[in-house]
PDB file of N, CA and C in Angstrom:
ATOM      1  N   MET A   1       0.821  -1.188   0.000  1.00  0.00           N
ATOM      2  CA  MET A   1       0.000   0.000   0.000  1.00  0.00           C
ATOM      3  C   MET A   1       0.868   1.255   0.000  1.00  0.00           C
ATOM      4  N   ASP A   2       1.951   1.245   0.794  1.00  0.00           N
ATOM      5  CA  ASP A   2       2.769   2.451   0.855  1.00  0.00           C
ATOM      6  C   ASP A   2       3.427   2.774  -0.482  1.00  0.00           C
ATOM      7  N   SER A   3       3.775   1.758  -1.270  1.00  0.00           N
ATOM      8  CA  SER A   3       4.365   2.032  -2.588  1.00  0.00           C
ATOM      9  C   SER A   3       3.345   2.707  -3.502  1.00  0.00           C
ATOM     10  N   LEU A   4       2.083   2.305  -3.411  1.00  0.00           N
ATOM     11  CA  LEU A   4       1.025   2.932  -4.210  1.00  0.00           C
ATOM     12  C   LEU A   4       0.870   4.402  -3.833  1.00  0.00           C
ATOM     13  N   LEU A   5       0.900   4.688  -2.541  1.00  0.00           N
ATOM     14  CA  LEU A   5       0.788   6.076  -2.088  1.00  0.00           C
ATOM     15  C   LEU A   5       1.991   6.898  -2.546  1.00  0.00           C
ATOM     16  N   ARG A   6       3.188   6.335  -2.416  1.00  0.00           N
ATOM     17  CA  ARG A   6       4.400   7.047  -2.862  1.00  0.00           C
ATOM     18  C   ARG A   6       4.335   7.345  -4.355  1.00  0.00           C
ATOM     19  N   GLU A   7       3.970   6.336  -5.148  1.00  0.00           N
ATOM     20  CA  GLU A   7       3.891   6.522  -6.602  1.00  0.00           C
ATOM     21  C   GLU A   7       2.850   7.566  -6.979  1.00  0.00           C
ATOM     22  N   SER A   8       1.800   7.677  -6.179  1.00  0.00           N
ATOM     23  CA  SER A   8       0.746   8.647  -6.450  1.00  0.00           C
ATOM     24  C   SER A   8       1.090  10.033  -5.920  1.00  0.00           C
ATOM     25  N   GLY A   9       2.199  10.129  -5.167  1.00  0.00           N
ATOM     26  CA  GLY A   9       2.596  11.417  -4.618  1.00  0.00           C
ATOM     27  C   GLY A   9       1.763  11.851  -3.426  1.00  0.00           C
ATOM     28  N   ILE A  10       1.099  10.906  -2.785  1.00  0.00           N
ATOM     29  CA  ILE A  10       0.245  11.216  -1.635  1.00  0.00           C
ATOM     30  C   ILE A  10       1.092  11.124  -0.362  1.00  0.00           C
ATOM     31  N   PRO A  11       1.172  12.220   0.399  1.00  0.00           N
ATOM     32  CA  PRO A  11       1.954  12.175   1.633  1.00  0.00           C
ATOM     33  C   PRO A  11       1.250  11.310   2.689  1.00  0.00           C
ATOM     34  N   PHE A  12       2.031  10.553   3.445  1.00  0.00           N
ATOM     35  CA  PHE A  12       1.466   9.719   4.495  1.00  0.00           C
ATOM     36  C   PHE A  12       2.522   9.435   5.542  1.00  0.00           C
ATOM     37  N   GLU A  13       2.075   8.999   6.686  1.00  0.00           N
ATOM     38  CA  GLU A  13       2.971   8.595   7.763  1.00  0.00           C
ATOM     39  C   GLU A  13       2.675   7.147   8.090  1.00  0.00           C
ATOM     40  N   LYS A  14       3.661   6.288   7.922  1.00  0.00           N
ATOM     41  CA  LYS A  14       3.500   4.869   8.193  1.00  0.00           C
ATOM     42  C   LYS A  14       3.764   4.615   9.675  1.00  0.00           C
ATOM     43  N   VAL A  15       2.827   3.943  10.341  1.00  0.00           N
ATOM     44  CA  VAL A  15       2.944   3.680  11.770  1.00  0.00           C
ATOM     45  C   VAL A  15       2.779   2.191  12.029  1.00  0.00           C
ATOM     46  N   ASN A  16       3.723   1.603  12.736  1.00  0.00           N
ATOM     47  CA  ASN A  16       3.604   0.208  13.154  1.00  0.00           C
ATOM     48  C   ASN A  16       2.936   0.213  14.525  1.00  0.00           C
ATOM     49  N   TYR A  17       1.636  -0.037  14.565  1.00  0.00           N
ATOM     50  CA  TYR A  17       0.913   0.066  15.835  1.00  0.00           C
ATOM     51  C   TYR A  17       1.177  -1.115  16.765  1.00  0.00           C
ATOM     52  N   TYR A  18       1.938  -2.100  16.322  1.00  0.00           N
ATOM     53  CA  TYR A  18       2.371  -3.171  17.236  1.00  0.00           C
ATOM     54  C   TYR A  18       3.491  -2.663  18.145  1.00  0.00           C
ATOM     55  N   THR A  19       4.379  -1.840  17.593  1.00  0.00           N
ATOM     56  CA  THR A  19       5.486  -1.318  18.387  1.00  0.00           C
ATOM     57  C   THR A  19       5.190   0.057  18.968  1.00  0.00           C
ATOM     58  N   ALA A  20       4.263   0.776  18.366  1.00  0.00           N
ATOM     59  CA  ALA A  20       3.872   2.107  18.844  1.00  0.00           C
ATOM     60  C   ALA A  20       2.354   2.189  18.847  1.00  0.00           C
ATOM     61  N   PRO A  21       1.691   1.628  19.881  1.00  0.00           N
ATOM     62  CA  PRO A  21       0.227   1.610  19.921  1.00  0.00           C
ATOM     63  C   PRO A  21      -0.371   3.010  19.818  1.00  0.00           C
ATOM     64  N   LEU A  22      -1.533   3.085  19.181  1.00  0.00           N
ATOM     65  CA  LEU A  22      -2.221   4.360  19.033  1.00  0.00           C
ATOM     66  C   LEU A  22      -2.855   4.767  20.358  1.00  0.00           C
ATOM     67  N   THR A  23      -2.852   6.055  20.623  1.00  0.00           N
ATOM     68  CA  THR A  23      -3.511   6.569  21.819  1.00  0.00           C
ATOM     69  C   THR A  23      -5.017   6.644  21.572  1.00  0.00           C
ATOM     70  N   LYS A  24      -5.791   6.752  22.640  1.00  0.00           N
ATOM     71  CA  LYS A  24      -7.242   6.914  22.486  1.00  0.00           C
ATOM     72  C   LYS A  24      -7.542   8.145  21.640  1.00  0.00           C
ATOM     73  N   ARG A  25      -6.796   9.193  21.886  1.00  0.00           N
ATOM     74  CA  ARG A  25      -7.002  10.440  21.141  1.00  0.00           C
ATOM     75  C   ARG A  25      -6.777  10.222  19.642  1.00  0.00           C
ATOM     76  N   LYS A  26      -5.708   9.489  19.292  1.00  0.00           N
ATOM     77  CA  LYS A  26      -5.396   9.247  17.875  1.00  0.00           C
ATOM     78  C   LYS A  26      -6.460   8.368  17.226  1.00  0.00           C
ATOM     79  N   VAL A  27      -6.948   7.354  17.940  1.00  0.00           N
ATOM     80  CA  VAL A  27      -8.013   6.495  17.401  1.00  0.00           C
ATOM     81  C   VAL A  27      -9.262   7.328  17.141  1.00  0.00           C
ATOM     82  N   ARG A  28      -9.597   8.199  18.074  1.00  0.00           N
ATOM     83  CA  ARG A  28     -10.770   9.076  17.881  1.00  0.00           C
ATOM     84  C   ARG A  28     -10.568   9.998  16.683  1.00  0.00           C
ATOM     85  N   GLU A  29      -9.365  10.559  16.564  1.00  0.00           N
ATOM     86  CA  GLU A  29      -9.057  11.455  15.453  1.00  0.00           C
ATOM     87  C   GLU A  29      -9.187  10.724  14.112  1.00  0.00           C
ATOM     88  N   LEU A  30      -8.600   9.534  14.016  1.00  0.00           N
ATOM     89  CA  LEU A  30      -8.652   8.767  12.771  1.00  0.00           C
ATOM     90  C   LEU A  30     -10.069   8.313  12.439  1.00  0.00           C
ATOM     91  N   SER A  31     -10.812   7.852  13.443  1.00  0.00           N
ATOM     92  CA  SER A  31     -12.176   7.392  13.171  1.00  0.00           C
ATOM     93  C   SER A  31     -13.056   8.561  12.723  1.00  0.00           C
ATOM     94  N   ALA A  32     -12.833   9.748  13.290  1.00  0.00           N
ATOM     95  CA  ALA A  32     -13.593  10.926  12.862  1.00  0.00           C
ATOM     96  C   ALA A  32     -13.262  11.287  11.411  1.00  0.00           C
ATOM     97  N   LYS A  33     -11.979  11.223  11.050  1.00  0.00           N
ATOM     98  CA  LYS A  33     -11.583  11.530   9.668  1.00  0.00           C
ATOM     99  C   LYS A  33     -12.215  10.554   8.676  1.00  0.00           C
ATOM    100  N   MET A  34     -12.331   9.282   9.088  1.00  0.00           N
ATOM    101  CA  MET A  34     -12.895   8.258   8.204  1.00  0.00           C
ATOM    102  C   MET A  34     -14.415   8.151   8.326  1.00  0.00           C
ATOM    103  N   LYS A  35     -14.973   8.921   9.273  1.00  0.00           N
ATOM    104  CA  LYS A  35     -16.420   8.893   9.539  1.00  0.00           C
ATOM    105  C   LYS A  35     -16.885   7.480   9.878  1.00  0.00           C
ATOM    106  N   LEU A  36     -16.099   6.815  10.741  1.00  0.00           N
ATOM    107  CA  LEU A  36     -16.404   5.464  11.207  1.00  0.00           C
ATOM    108  C   LEU A  36     -16.364   5.449  12.730  1.00  0.00           C
ATOM    109  N   SER A  37     -17.122   4.543  13.312  1.00  0.00           N
ATOM    110  CA  SER A  37     -17.025   4.367  14.756  1.00  0.00           C
ATOM    111  C   SER A  37     -15.744   3.603  15.067  1.00  0.00           C
ATOM    112  N   ALA A  38     -15.288   3.701  16.306  1.00  0.00           N
ATOM    113  CA  ALA A  38     -14.092   2.961  16.713  1.00  0.00           C
ATOM    114  C   ALA A  38     -14.336   1.463  16.548  1.00  0.00           C
ATOM    115  N   ARG A  39     -15.543   1.000  16.825  1.00  0.00           N
ATOM    116  CA  ARG A  39     -15.877  -0.420  16.681  1.00  0.00           C
ATOM    117  C   ARG A  39     -15.742  -0.871  15.223  1.00  0.00           C
ATOM    118  N   ALA A  40     -16.060  -0.008  14.279  1.00  0.00           N
ATOM    119  CA  ALA A  40     -15.959  -0.354  12.862  1.00  0.00           C
ATOM    120  C   ALA A  40     -14.503  -0.553  12.433  1.00  0.00           C
ATOM    121  N   LEU A  41     -13.565  -0.008  13.208  1.00  0.00           N
ATOM    122  CA  LEU A  41     -12.151  -0.147  12.885  1.00  0.00           C
ATOM    123  C   LEU A  41     -11.583  -1.488  13.337  1.00  0.00           C
ATOM    124  N   LEU A  42     -12.287  -2.190  14.218  1.00  0.00           N
ATOM    125  CA  LEU A  42     -11.790  -3.458  14.755  1.00  0.00           C
ATOM    126  C   LEU A  42     -11.861  -4.577  13.726  1.00  0.00           C
ATOM    127  N   ARG A  43     -10.933  -5.506  13.816  1.00  0.00           N
ATOM    128  CA  ARG A  43     -10.918  -6.680  12.939  1.00  0.00           C
ATOM    129  C   ARG A  43     -11.803  -7.763  13.559  1.00  0.00           C
ATOM    130  N   ALA A  44     -13.088  -7.588  13.474  1.00  0.00           N
ATOM    131  CA  ALA A  44     -14.042  -8.470  14.150  1.00  0.00           C
ATOM    132  C   ALA A  44     -14.162  -9.831  13.480  1.00  0.00           C
ATOM    133  N   SER A  45     -13.796  -9.956  12.220  1.00  0.00           N
ATOM    134  CA  SER A  45     -13.980 -11.218  11.520  1.00  0.00           C
ATOM    135  C   SER A  45     -12.778 -12.166  11.638  1.00  0.00           C
ATOM    136  N   GLU A  46     -11.693 -11.677  12.237  1.00  0.00           N
ATOM    137  CA  GLU A  46     -10.499 -12.523  12.395  1.00  0.00           C
ATOM    138  C   GLU A  46     -10.590 -13.338  13.680  1.00  0.00           C
ATOM    139  N   PRO A  47     -10.017 -14.554  13.686  1.00  0.00           N
ATOM    140  CA  PRO A  47     -10.059 -15.358  14.888  1.00  0.00           C
ATOM    141  C   PRO A  47      -9.227 -14.728  16.016  1.00  0.00           C
ATOM    142  N   ILE A  48      -9.644 -14.980  17.236  1.00  0.00           N
ATOM    143  CA  ILE A  48      -8.918 -14.490  18.404  1.00  0.00           C
ATOM    144  C   ILE A  48      -7.775 -15.467  18.689  1.00  0.00           C
ATOM    145  N   LEU A  49      -6.573 -14.938  18.795  1.00  0.00           N
ATOM    146  CA  LEU A  49      -5.402 -15.777  19.057  1.00  0.00           C
ATOM    147  C   LEU A  49      -5.151 -15.866  20.562  1.00  0.00           C
ATOM    148  N   PRO A  50      -4.702 -17.037  21.011  1.00  0.00           N
ATOM    149  CA  PRO A  50      -4.438 -17.185  22.466  1.00  0.00           C
ATOM    150  C   PRO A  50      -3.232 -16.409  22.909  1.00  0.00           C
TER     151      PRO A  50
END
């Protein structure tokens, strides 16, 4: 995905949320920009790993 954005000239910031978890504030900010609820951002269809 990042190569597509670079080729298109679209500025972006790549974040590895496994090593740098998002804050509540950032999740709210991103969900507002996407006009989605925080619940809609969750991967609900993937299996839960132990």
